[in-house]
Amino acid sequence: MNATDYLNRSALYRKLVYGPYREFAGVYAAKMSNEGLGRQCTWRSLSLFRDLMDWHVGNGHAPR
């Protein structure tokens, strides 16, 4: 399973795409698809992206 297949089925990706950082999540997902990453690497990358965005908001920075 490659990144594109995973992204089509991922609940984590749907949460990110419909969240406050949707533009960043979409660009990041497109980059992962173009790179041809596998499912595990894509999942881990999205998890790190989510954690980074949570940390960013937790430190008082609002999405712009």
PDB file of N, CA and C in Angstrom:
ATOM      1  N   MET A   1       0.859  -1.175   0.000  1.00  0.00           N
ATOM      2  CA  MET A   1       0.000   0.000   0.000  1.00  0.00           C
ATOM      3  C   MET A   1       0.903   1.235   0.000  1.00  0.00           C
ATOM      4  N   ASN A   2       0.642   2.131  -0.920  1.00  0.00           N
ATOM      5  CA  ASN A   2       1.445   3.355  -0.984  1.00  0.00           C
ATOM      6  C   ASN A   2       0.712   4.509  -0.289  1.00  0.00           C
ATOM      7  N   ALA A   3       1.336   5.672  -0.297  1.00  0.00           N
ATOM      8  CA  ALA A   3       0.791   6.833   0.416  1.00  0.00           C
ATOM      9  C   ALA A   3      -0.593   7.221  -0.092  1.00  0.00           C
ATOM     10  N   THR A   4      -0.783   7.200  -1.398  1.00  0.00           N
ATOM     11  CA  THR A   4      -2.076   7.597  -1.966  1.00  0.00           C
ATOM     12  C   THR A   4      -3.185   6.667  -1.497  1.00  0.00           C
ATOM     13  N   ASP A   5      -2.943   5.366  -1.531  1.00  0.00           N
ATOM     14  CA  ASP A   5      -3.937   4.398  -1.059  1.00  0.00           C
ATOM     15  C   ASP A   5      -4.248   4.624   0.419  1.00  0.00           C
ATOM     16  N   TYR A   6      -3.204   4.827   1.204  1.00  0.00           N
ATOM     17  CA  TYR A   6      -3.392   5.039   2.632  1.00  0.00           C
ATOM     18  C   TYR A   6      -4.194   6.315   2.903  1.00  0.00           C
ATOM     19  N   LEU A   7      -3.846   7.393   2.218  1.00  0.00           N
ATOM     20  CA  LEU A   7      -4.525   8.669   2.452  1.00  0.00           C
ATOM     21  C   LEU A   7      -6.009   8.597   2.102  1.00  0.00           C
ATOM     22  N   ASN A   8      -6.360   7.803   1.112  1.00  0.00           N
ATOM     23  CA  ASN A   8      -7.767   7.657   0.731  1.00  0.00           C
ATOM     24  C   ASN A   8      -8.587   6.973   1.819  1.00  0.00           C
ATOM     25  N   ARG A   9      -7.934   6.207   2.700  1.00  0.00           N
ATOM     26  CA  ARG A   9      -8.646   5.444   3.724  1.00  0.00           C
ATOM     27  C   ARG A   9      -8.413   5.952   5.141  1.00  0.00           C
ATOM     28  N   SER A  10      -7.523   6.886   5.325  1.00  0.00           N
ATOM     29  CA  SER A  10      -7.050   7.276   6.652  1.00  0.00           C
ATOM     30  C   SER A  10      -7.990   8.230   7.386  1.00  0.00           C
ATOM     31  N   ALA A  11      -8.418   7.818   8.578  1.00  0.00           N
ATOM     32  CA  ALA A  11      -9.220   8.693   9.432  1.00  0.00           C
ATOM     33  C   ALA A  11      -8.370   9.855   9.946  1.00  0.00           C
ATOM     34  N   LEU A  12      -7.109   9.587  10.233  1.00  0.00           N
ATOM     35  CA  LEU A  12      -6.199  10.639  10.689  1.00  0.00           C
ATOM     36  C   LEU A  12      -6.074  11.730   9.631  1.00  0.00           C
ATOM     37  N   TYR A  13      -5.910  11.343   8.389  1.00  0.00           N
ATOM     38  CA  TYR A  13      -5.799  12.325   7.307  1.00  0.00           C
ATOM     39  C   TYR A  13      -7.089  13.139   7.174  1.00  0.00           C
ATOM     40  N   ARG A  14      -8.239  12.483   7.267  1.00  0.00           N
ATOM     41  CA  ARG A  14      -9.519  13.210   7.187  1.00  0.00           C
ATOM     42  C   ARG A  14      -9.630  14.240   8.308  1.00  0.00           C
ATOM     43  N   LYS A  15      -9.206  13.876   9.512  1.00  0.00           N
ATOM     44  CA  LYS A  15      -9.251  14.827  10.630  1.00  0.00           C
ATOM     45  C   LYS A  15      -8.349  16.024  10.367  1.00  0.00           C
ATOM     46  N   LEU A  16      -7.178  15.763   9.804  1.00  0.00           N
ATOM     47  CA  LEU A  16      -6.248  16.859   9.520  1.00  0.00           C
ATOM     48  C   LEU A  16      -6.765  17.758   8.400  1.00  0.00           C
ATOM     49  N   VAL A  17      -7.347  17.158   7.381  1.00  0.00           N
ATOM     50  CA  VAL A  17      -7.830  17.921   6.227  1.00  0.00           C
ATOM     51  C   VAL A  17      -9.020  18.809   6.598  1.00  0.00           C
ATOM     52  N   TYR A  18      -9.827  18.372   7.554  1.00  0.00           N
ATOM     53  CA  TYR A  18     -10.984  19.169   7.954  1.00  0.00           C
ATOM     54  C   TYR A  18     -10.705  20.016   9.196  1.00  0.00           C
ATOM     55  N   GLY A  19      -9.452  20.052   9.625  1.00  0.00           N
ATOM     56  CA  GLY A  19      -9.062  20.840  10.786  1.00  0.00           C
ATOM     57  C   GLY A  19      -8.542  22.215  10.393  1.00  0.00           C
ATOM     58  N   PRO A  20      -8.029  22.934  11.365  1.00  0.00           N
ATOM     59  CA  PRO A  20      -7.577  24.307  11.113  1.00  0.00           C
ATOM     60  C   PRO A  20      -6.338  24.408  10.231  1.00  0.00           C
ATOM     61  N   TYR A  21      -5.597  23.320  10.094  1.00  0.00           N
ATOM     62  CA  TYR A  21      -4.378  23.346   9.279  1.00  0.00           C
ATOM     63  C   TYR A  21      -4.560  22.604   7.966  1.00  0.00           C
ATOM     64  N   ARG A  22      -5.767  22.637   7.436  1.00  0.00           N
ATOM     65  CA  ARG A  22      -6.107  21.858   6.236  1.00  0.00           C
ATOM     66  C   ARG A  22      -5.204  22.159   5.046  1.00  0.00           C
ATOM     67  N   GLU A  23      -4.829  23.416   4.860  1.00  0.00           N
ATOM     68  CA  GLU A  23      -3.970  23.762   3.719  1.00  0.00           C
ATOM     69  C   GLU A  23      -2.605  23.098   3.847  1.00  0.00           C
ATOM     70  N   PHE A  24      -2.037  23.154   5.044  1.00  0.00           N
ATOM     71  CA  PHE A  24      -0.737  22.531   5.265  1.00  0.00           C
ATOM     72  C   PHE A  24      -0.821  21.013   5.126  1.00  0.00           C
ATOM     73  N   ALA A  25      -1.892  20.432   5.659  1.00  0.00           N
ATOM     74  CA  ALA A  25      -2.062  18.978   5.586  1.00  0.00           C
ATOM     75  C   ALA A  25      -2.191  18.524   4.139  1.00  0.00           C
ATOM     76  N   GLY A  26      -2.923  19.265   3.328  1.00  0.00           N
ATOM     77  CA  GLY A  26      -3.086  18.907   1.920  1.00  0.00           C
ATOM     78  C   GLY A  26      -1.783  18.964   1.147  1.00  0.00           C
ATOM     79  N   VAL A  27      -1.001  20.001   1.388  1.00  0.00           N
ATOM     80  CA  VAL A  27       0.293  20.137   0.709  1.00  0.00           C
ATOM     81  C   VAL A  27       1.237  19.027   1.157  1.00  0.00           C
ATOM     82  N   TYR A  28       1.252  18.753   2.442  1.00  0.00           N
ATOM     83  CA  TYR A  28       2.126  17.708   2.984  1.00  0.00           C
ATOM     84  C   TYR A  28       1.727  16.336   2.434  1.00  0.00           C
ATOM     85  N   ALA A  29       0.437  16.063   2.359  1.00  0.00           N
ATOM     86  CA  ALA A  29      -0.040  14.786   1.822  1.00  0.00           C
ATOM     87  C   ALA A  29       0.317  14.640   0.350  1.00  0.00           C
ATOM     88  N   ALA A  30       0.191  15.711  -0.409  1.00  0.00           N
ATOM     89  CA  ALA A  30       0.555  15.659  -1.831  1.00  0.00           C
ATOM     90  C   ALA A  30       2.039  15.351  -1.996  1.00  0.00           C
ATOM     91  N   LYS A  31       2.850  15.941  -1.144  1.00  0.00           N
ATOM     92  CA  LYS A  31       4.294  15.678  -1.206  1.00  0.00           C
ATOM     93  C   LYS A  31       4.590  14.210  -0.893  1.00  0.00           C
ATOM     94  N   MET A  32       3.921  13.662   0.112  1.00  0.00           N
ATOM     95  CA  MET A  32       4.137  12.249   0.453  1.00  0.00           C
ATOM     96  C   MET A  32       3.687  11.343  -0.682  1.00  0.00           C
ATOM     97  N   SER A  33       2.581  11.672  -1.324  1.00  0.00           N
ATOM     98  CA  SER A  33       2.099  10.875  -2.458  1.00  0.00           C
ATOM     99  C   SER A  33       3.082  10.925  -3.610  1.00  0.00           C
ATOM    100  N   ASN A  34       3.605  12.103  -3.889  1.00  0.00           N
ATOM    101  CA  ASN A  34       4.571  12.249  -4.980  1.00  0.00           C
ATOM    102  C   ASN A  34       5.870  11.507  -4.699  1.00  0.00           C
ATOM    103  N   GLU A  35       6.243  11.426  -3.426  1.00  0.00           N
ATOM    104  CA  GLU A  35       7.464  10.721  -3.039  1.00  0.00           C
ATOM    105  C   GLU A  35       7.279   9.207  -3.115  1.00  0.00           C
ATOM    106  N   GLY A  36       6.027   8.752  -3.106  1.00  0.00           N
ATOM    107  CA  GLY A  36       5.757   7.316  -3.177  1.00  0.00           C
ATOM    108  C   GLY A  36       6.028   6.581  -1.875  1.00  0.00           C
ATOM    109  N   LEU A  37       5.795   7.245  -0.757  1.00  0.00           N
ATOM    110  CA  LEU A  37       6.046   6.625   0.539  1.00  0.00           C
ATOM    111  C   LEU A  37       5.084   5.474   0.793  1.00  0.00           C
ATOM    112  N   GLY A  38       5.477   4.559   1.648  1.00  0.00           N
ATOM    113  CA  GLY A  38       4.636   3.433   2.029  1.00  0.00           C
ATOM    114  C   GLY A  38       3.651   3.817   3.113  1.00  0.00           C
ATOM    115  N   ARG A  39       2.770   2.884   3.450  1.00  0.00           N
ATOM    116  CA  ARG A  39       1.714   3.130   4.428  1.00  0.00           C
ATOM    117  C   ARG A  39       2.276   3.504   5.796  1.00  0.00           C
ATOM    118  N   GLN A  40       3.216   2.720   6.301  1.00  0.00           N
ATOM    119  CA  GLN A  40       3.753   2.958   7.644  1.00  0.00           C
ATOM    120  C   GLN A  40       4.456   4.310   7.736  1.00  0.00           C
ATOM    121  N   CYS A  41       5.229   4.633   6.747  1.00  0.00           N
ATOM    122  CA  CYS A  41       5.943   5.918   6.736  1.00  0.00           C
ATOM    123  C   CYS A  41       4.952   7.082   6.633  1.00  0.00           C
ATOM    124  N   THR A  42       3.919   6.912   5.829  1.00  0.00           N
ATOM    125  CA  THR A  42       2.900   7.956   5.687  1.00  0.00           C
ATOM    126  C   THR A  42       2.151   8.156   6.996  1.00  0.00           C
ATOM    127  N   TRP A  43       1.773   7.048   7.643  1.00  0.00           N
ATOM    128  CA  TRP A  43       1.071   7.138   8.924  1.00  0.00           C
ATOM    129  C   TRP A  43       1.937   7.858   9.956  1.00  0.00           C
ATOM    130  N   ARG A  44       3.207   7.468  10.029  1.00  0.00           N
ATOM    131  CA  ARG A  44       4.105   8.072  11.013  1.00  0.00           C
ATOM    132  C   ARG A  44       4.304   9.562  10.728  1.00  0.00           C
ATOM    133  N   SER A  45       4.440   9.907   9.479  1.00  0.00           N
ATOM    134  CA  SER A  45       4.624  11.313   9.105  1.00  0.00           C
ATOM    135  C   SER A  45       3.396  12.142   9.461  1.00  0.00           C
ATOM    136  N   LEU A  46       2.204  11.608   9.197  1.00  0.00           N
ATOM    137  CA  LEU A  46       0.977  12.326   9.554  1.00  0.00           C
ATOM    138  C   LEU A  46       0.836  12.464  11.065  1.00  0.00           C
ATOM    139  N   SER A  47       1.219  11.426  11.795  1.00  0.00           N
ATOM    140  CA  SER A  47       1.156  11.489  13.259  1.00  0.00           C
ATOM    141  C   SER A  47       2.085  12.565  13.797  1.00  0.00           C
ATOM    142  N   LEU A  48       3.280  12.640  13.247  1.00  0.00           N
ATOM    143  CA  LEU A  48       4.218  13.683  13.665  1.00  0.00           C
ATOM    144  C   LEU A  48       3.701  15.070  13.301  1.00  0.00           C
ATOM    145  N   PHE A  49       3.101  15.188  12.124  1.00  0.00           N
ATOM    146  CA  PHE A  49       2.507  16.456  11.693  1.00  0.00           C
ATOM    147  C   PHE A  49       1.406  16.875  12.670  1.00  0.00           C
ATOM    148  N   ARG A  50       0.532  15.942  13.027  1.00  0.00           N
ATOM    149  CA  ARG A  50      -0.549  16.230  13.977  1.00  0.00           C
ATOM    150  C   ARG A  50       0.019  16.666  15.324  1.00  0.00           C
ATOM    151  N   ASP A  51       1.023  15.950  15.818  1.00  0.00           N
ATOM    152  CA  ASP A  51       1.628  16.298  17.104  1.00  0.00           C
ATOM    153  C   ASP A  51       2.277  17.679  17.062  1.00  0.00           C
ATOM    154  N   LEU A  52       2.928  17.992  15.972  1.00  0.00           N
ATOM    155  CA  LEU A  52       3.552  19.309  15.822  1.00  0.00           C
ATOM    156  C   LEU A  52       2.495  20.410  15.817  1.00  0.00           C
ATOM    157  N   MET A  53       1.403  20.189  15.112  1.00  0.00           N
ATOM    158  CA  MET A  53       0.338  21.191  15.069  1.00  0.00           C
ATOM    159  C   MET A  53      -0.323  21.340  16.440  1.00  0.00           C
ATOM    160  N   ASP A  54      -0.511  20.226  17.163  1.00  0.00           N
ATOM    161  CA  ASP A  54      -1.069  20.292  18.517  1.00  0.00           C
ATOM    162  C   ASP A  54      -0.142  21.076  19.443  1.00  0.00           C
ATOM    163  N   TRP A  55       1.153  20.836  19.326  1.00  0.00           N
ATOM    164  CA  TRP A  55       2.134  21.556  20.138  1.00  0.00           C
ATOM    165  C   TRP A  55       2.098  23.043  19.800  1.00  0.00           C
ATOM    166  N   HIS A  56       1.998  23.348  18.529  1.00  0.00           N
ATOM    167  CA  HIS A  56       1.980  24.741  18.061  1.00  0.00           C
ATOM    168  C   HIS A  56       0.787  25.485  18.660  1.00  0.00           C
ATOM    169  N   VAL A  57      -0.377  24.877  18.600  1.00  0.00           N
ATOM    170  CA  VAL A  57      -1.584  25.489  19.157  1.00  0.00           C
ATOM    171  C   VAL A  57      -1.486  25.549  20.682  1.00  0.00           C
ATOM    172  N   GLY A  58      -0.929  24.507  21.299  1.00  0.00           N
ATOM    173  CA  GLY A  58      -0.784  24.463  22.753  1.00  0.00           C
ATOM    174  C   GLY A  58       0.125  25.548  23.304  1.00  0.00           C
ATOM    175  N   ASN A  59       0.991  26.070  22.464  1.00  0.00           N
ATOM    176  CA  ASN A  59       1.882  27.153  22.879  1.00  0.00           C
ATOM    177  C   ASN A  59       1.316  28.529  22.548  1.00  0.00           C
ATOM    178  N   GLY A  60       0.031  28.578  22.268  1.00  0.00           N
ATOM    179  CA  GLY A  60      -0.640  29.861  22.083  1.00  0.00           C
ATOM    180  C   GLY A  60      -0.634  30.413  20.675  1.00  0.00           C
ATOM    181  N   HIS A  61      -0.236  29.618  19.708  1.00  0.00           N
ATOM    182  CA  HIS A  61      -0.230  30.073  18.321  1.00  0.00           C
ATOM    183  C   HIS A  61      -1.495  29.585  17.627  1.00  0.00           C
ATOM    184  N   ALA A  62      -2.253  30.489  17.108  1.00  0.00           N
ATOM    185  CA  ALA A  62      -3.483  30.129  16.404  1.00  0.00           C
ATOM    186  C   ALA A  62      -3.179  29.914  14.928  1.00  0.00           C
ATOM    187  N   PRO A  63      -3.953  29.048  14.281  1.00  0.00           N
ATOM    188  CA  PRO A  63      -3.780  28.885  12.827  1.00  0.00           C
ATOM    189  C   PRO A  63      -4.124  30.177  12.106  1.00  0.00           C
ATOM    190  N   ARG A  64      -3.411  30.447  11.035  1.00  0.00           N
ATOM    191  CA  ARG A  64      -3.657  31.679  10.274  1.00  0.00           C
ATOM    192  C   ARG A  64      -4.200  31.359   8.923  1.00  0.00           C
TER     193      ARG A  64
END
